[in-house]
């Protein structure tokens, strides 16, 4: 009788797979409801996924400054990379300039982060357009330190 009890309660690979699939499905549902990616670590202080006019974009609120300490012009910046060292951000901006994105510049954020910024604009809609154009012009751009897409930074 005891041997039969141990054999009857044994979990199977099929049961594990079913439980895993159910948990994964629920996680994806919750992630979609929160408009966040379903994979990787979620961060409260990082870029948040939003839908603007049918397009999915990443939005972040961060105070940016130019290297001389003055405020970045415009209400929205289109960040295309984030670095810990200003020399890396400067190199990214130089590479963007050589590739035809002449308006790119380096901006400093709190916590010692340096963004390579493609452009500054006055509205979220304009920032979405600039980000979409950037991705179309540079489809293989790596977006270093970002979630694989430009980040629209509200100031």
Protein backbone atom coordinates (compact mmCIF):
# COMPACT_ATOMS: atom_id res chain seq x y z
CA UNK A 1 0.00 0.00 0.00
CA UNK A 2 2.80 2.46 0.92
CA UNK A 3 4.61 1.74 -2.36
CA UNK A 4 1.43 2.45 -4.31
CA UNK A 5 0.98 5.77 -2.49
CA UNK A 6 4.48 6.99 -3.41
CA UNK A 7 4.05 6.04 -7.07
CA UNK A 8 0.59 7.64 -7.31
CA UNK A 9 1.71 11.05 -5.97
CA UNK A 10 4.75 11.36 -8.19
CA UNK A 11 4.70 14.59 -10.29
CA UNK A 12 5.10 14.12 -14.01
CA UNK A 13 6.86 16.15 -16.66
CA UNK A 14 3.45 16.77 -18.23
CA UNK A 15 2.18 18.34 -14.97
CA UNK A 16 5.29 20.52 -14.65
CA UNK A 17 4.91 21.68 -18.26
CA UNK A 18 1.21 22.51 -17.76
CA UNK A 19 1.96 24.52 -14.60
CA UNK A 20 4.83 26.35 -16.32
CA UNK A 21 2.68 27.23 -19.35
CA UNK A 22 -0.12 28.49 -17.10
CA UNK A 23 2.28 30.68 -15.08
CA UNK A 24 3.91 32.05 -18.25
CA UNK A 25 0.53 32.85 -19.78
CA UNK A 26 -0.58 34.69 -16.63
CA UNK A 27 2.69 36.64 -16.49
CA UNK A 28 2.25 37.77 -20.09
CA UNK A 29 -1.35 38.84 -19.41
CA UNK A 30 -0.28 40.91 -16.40
CA UNK A 31 2.67 42.41 -18.32
CA UNK A 32 0.37 43.41 -21.18
CA UNK A 33 -2.06 45.03 -18.76
CA UNK A 34 0.80 47.02 -17.25
CA UNK A 35 2.24 47.79 -20.72
CA UNK A 36 5.65 46.44 -19.75
CA UNK A 37 7.79 43.83 -21.45
CA UNK A 38 7.09 40.29 -20.19
CA UNK A 39 10.70 39.20 -20.09
CA UNK A 40 13.66 40.41 -18.08
CA UNK A 41 13.70 42.38 -14.87
CA UNK A 42 11.10 45.07 -14.32
CA UNK A 43 12.25 48.39 -12.94
CA UNK A 44 10.24 51.16 -11.33
CA UNK A 45 12.82 53.80 -12.16
CA UNK A 46 13.60 52.72 -15.73
CA UNK A 47 11.80 53.48 -18.98
CA UNK A 48 8.13 52.52 -19.01
CA UNK A 49 6.41 51.18 -22.10
CA UNK A 50 3.51 53.33 -23.31
CA UNK A 51 1.22 53.36 -26.33
CA UNK A 52 1.01 56.75 -28.05
CA UNK A 53 -1.18 57.06 -31.16
CA UNK A 54 -0.97 53.31 -31.71
CA UNK A 55 2.84 53.16 -31.45
CA UNK A 56 4.61 51.52 -28.52
CA UNK A 57 7.33 53.75 -27.08
CA UNK A 58 9.48 53.89 -23.97
CA UNK A 59 9.03 56.96 -21.79
CA UNK A 60 11.19 58.16 -18.92
CA UNK A 61 11.11 61.22 -16.67
CA UNK A 62 14.62 62.49 -16.06
CA UNK A 63 16.23 65.89 -15.60
CA UNK A 64 18.89 66.30 -18.29
CA UNK A 65 21.68 68.87 -18.39
CA UNK A 66 24.19 69.79 -21.03
CA UNK A 67 27.87 69.25 -20.12
CA UNK A 68 28.14 72.94 -19.16
CA UNK A 69 25.30 72.50 -16.61
CA UNK A 70 22.53 74.30 -18.50
CA UNK A 71 19.16 72.69 -19.10
CA UNK A 72 18.59 70.72 -22.27
CA UNK A 73 16.34 72.72 -24.63
CA UNK A 74 12.84 71.40 -25.30
CA UNK A 75 10.46 69.43 -23.11
CA UNK A 76 11.23 66.03 -24.66
CA UNK A 77 14.54 64.43 -25.62
CA UNK A 78 14.97 61.34 -27.78
CA UNK A 79 17.66 59.28 -26.03
CA UNK A 80 19.37 56.63 -28.15
CA UNK A 81 22.02 55.43 -25.68
CA UNK A 82 22.92 55.69 -22.00
CA UNK A 83 26.44 55.33 -20.60
CA UNK A 84 28.32 55.55 -17.29
CA UNK A 85 31.24 57.41 -18.86
CA UNK A 86 30.93 60.66 -20.80
CA UNK A 87 33.67 59.56 -23.21
CA UNK A 88 31.50 56.65 -24.38
CA UNK A 89 28.53 58.98 -24.86
CA UNK A 90 30.72 61.41 -26.80
CA UNK A 91 31.96 58.58 -29.01
CA UNK A 92 28.38 57.49 -29.70
CA UNK A 93 27.40 61.07 -30.61
CA UNK A 94 30.43 61.36 -32.90
CA UNK A 95 29.46 58.12 -34.64
CA UNK A 96 25.90 59.42 -35.05
CA UNK A 97 27.26 62.64 -36.58
CA UNK A 98 29.32 60.65 -39.08
CA UNK A 99 26.24 58.59 -39.95
CA UNK A 100 24.21 61.71 -40.74
CA UNK A 101 22.52 62.55 -37.45
CA UNK A 102 24.19 65.94 -36.99
CA UNK A 103 21.94 67.24 -34.23
CA UNK A 104 22.96 64.58 -31.69
CA UNK A 105 24.55 65.65 -28.40
CA UNK A 106 25.51 64.40 -24.94
CA UNK A 107 23.29 65.11 -21.93
CA UNK A 108 24.04 64.35 -18.28
CA UNK A 109 21.42 62.89 -15.94
CA UNK A 110 21.29 62.30 -12.20
CA UNK A 111 23.30 59.39 -10.89
CA UNK A 112 26.21 59.97 -13.25
CA UNK A 113 24.49 58.70 -16.40
CA UNK A 114 25.23 60.22 -19.79
CA UNK A 115 22.72 60.00 -22.63
CA UNK A 116 23.41 60.27 -26.32
CA UNK A 117 20.44 62.32 -27.49
CA UNK A 118 19.30 62.38 -31.14
CA UNK A 119 17.04 65.44 -30.81
CA UNK A 120 15.01 67.66 -28.48
CA UNK A 121 11.44 68.65 -29.26
CA UNK A 122 8.56 70.41 -27.54
CA UNK A 123 5.87 67.67 -27.53
CA UNK A 124 5.45 63.96 -26.99
CA UNK A 125 3.93 63.55 -30.45
CA UNK A 126 6.99 65.18 -32.03
CA UNK A 127 9.28 62.96 -29.97
CA UNK A 128 7.43 59.87 -31.22
CA UNK A 129 7.88 61.02 -34.81
CA UNK A 130 11.61 61.68 -34.29
CA UNK A 131 12.06 58.27 -32.63
CA UNK A 132 10.20 56.50 -35.44
CA UNK A 133 12.30 58.31 -38.07
CA UNK A 134 15.49 57.44 -36.18
CA UNK A 135 14.63 53.73 -36.13
CA UNK A 136 13.78 53.86 -39.86
CA UNK A 137 17.07 55.62 -40.71
CA UNK A 138 19.22 53.45 -38.42
CA UNK A 139 17.52 50.02 -38.24
CA UNK A 140 20.60 48.28 -36.79
CA UNK A 141 21.42 50.88 -34.15
CA UNK A 142 22.32 49.12 -30.86
CA UNK A 143 20.62 51.51 -28.35
CA UNK A 144 23.30 50.83 -25.72
CA UNK A 145 21.89 50.64 -22.18
CA UNK A 146 18.30 51.05 -23.41
CA UNK A 147 15.54 48.49 -24.05
CA UNK A 148 16.34 48.08 -27.76
CA UNK A 149 14.57 51.27 -28.83
CA UNK A 150 14.82 55.04 -28.36
CA UNK A 151 13.63 56.38 -25.02
CA UNK A 152 11.53 59.55 -24.91
CA UNK A 153 12.76 61.54 -21.94
CA UNK A 154 10.40 64.07 -20.36
CA UNK A 155 12.13 66.90 -18.53
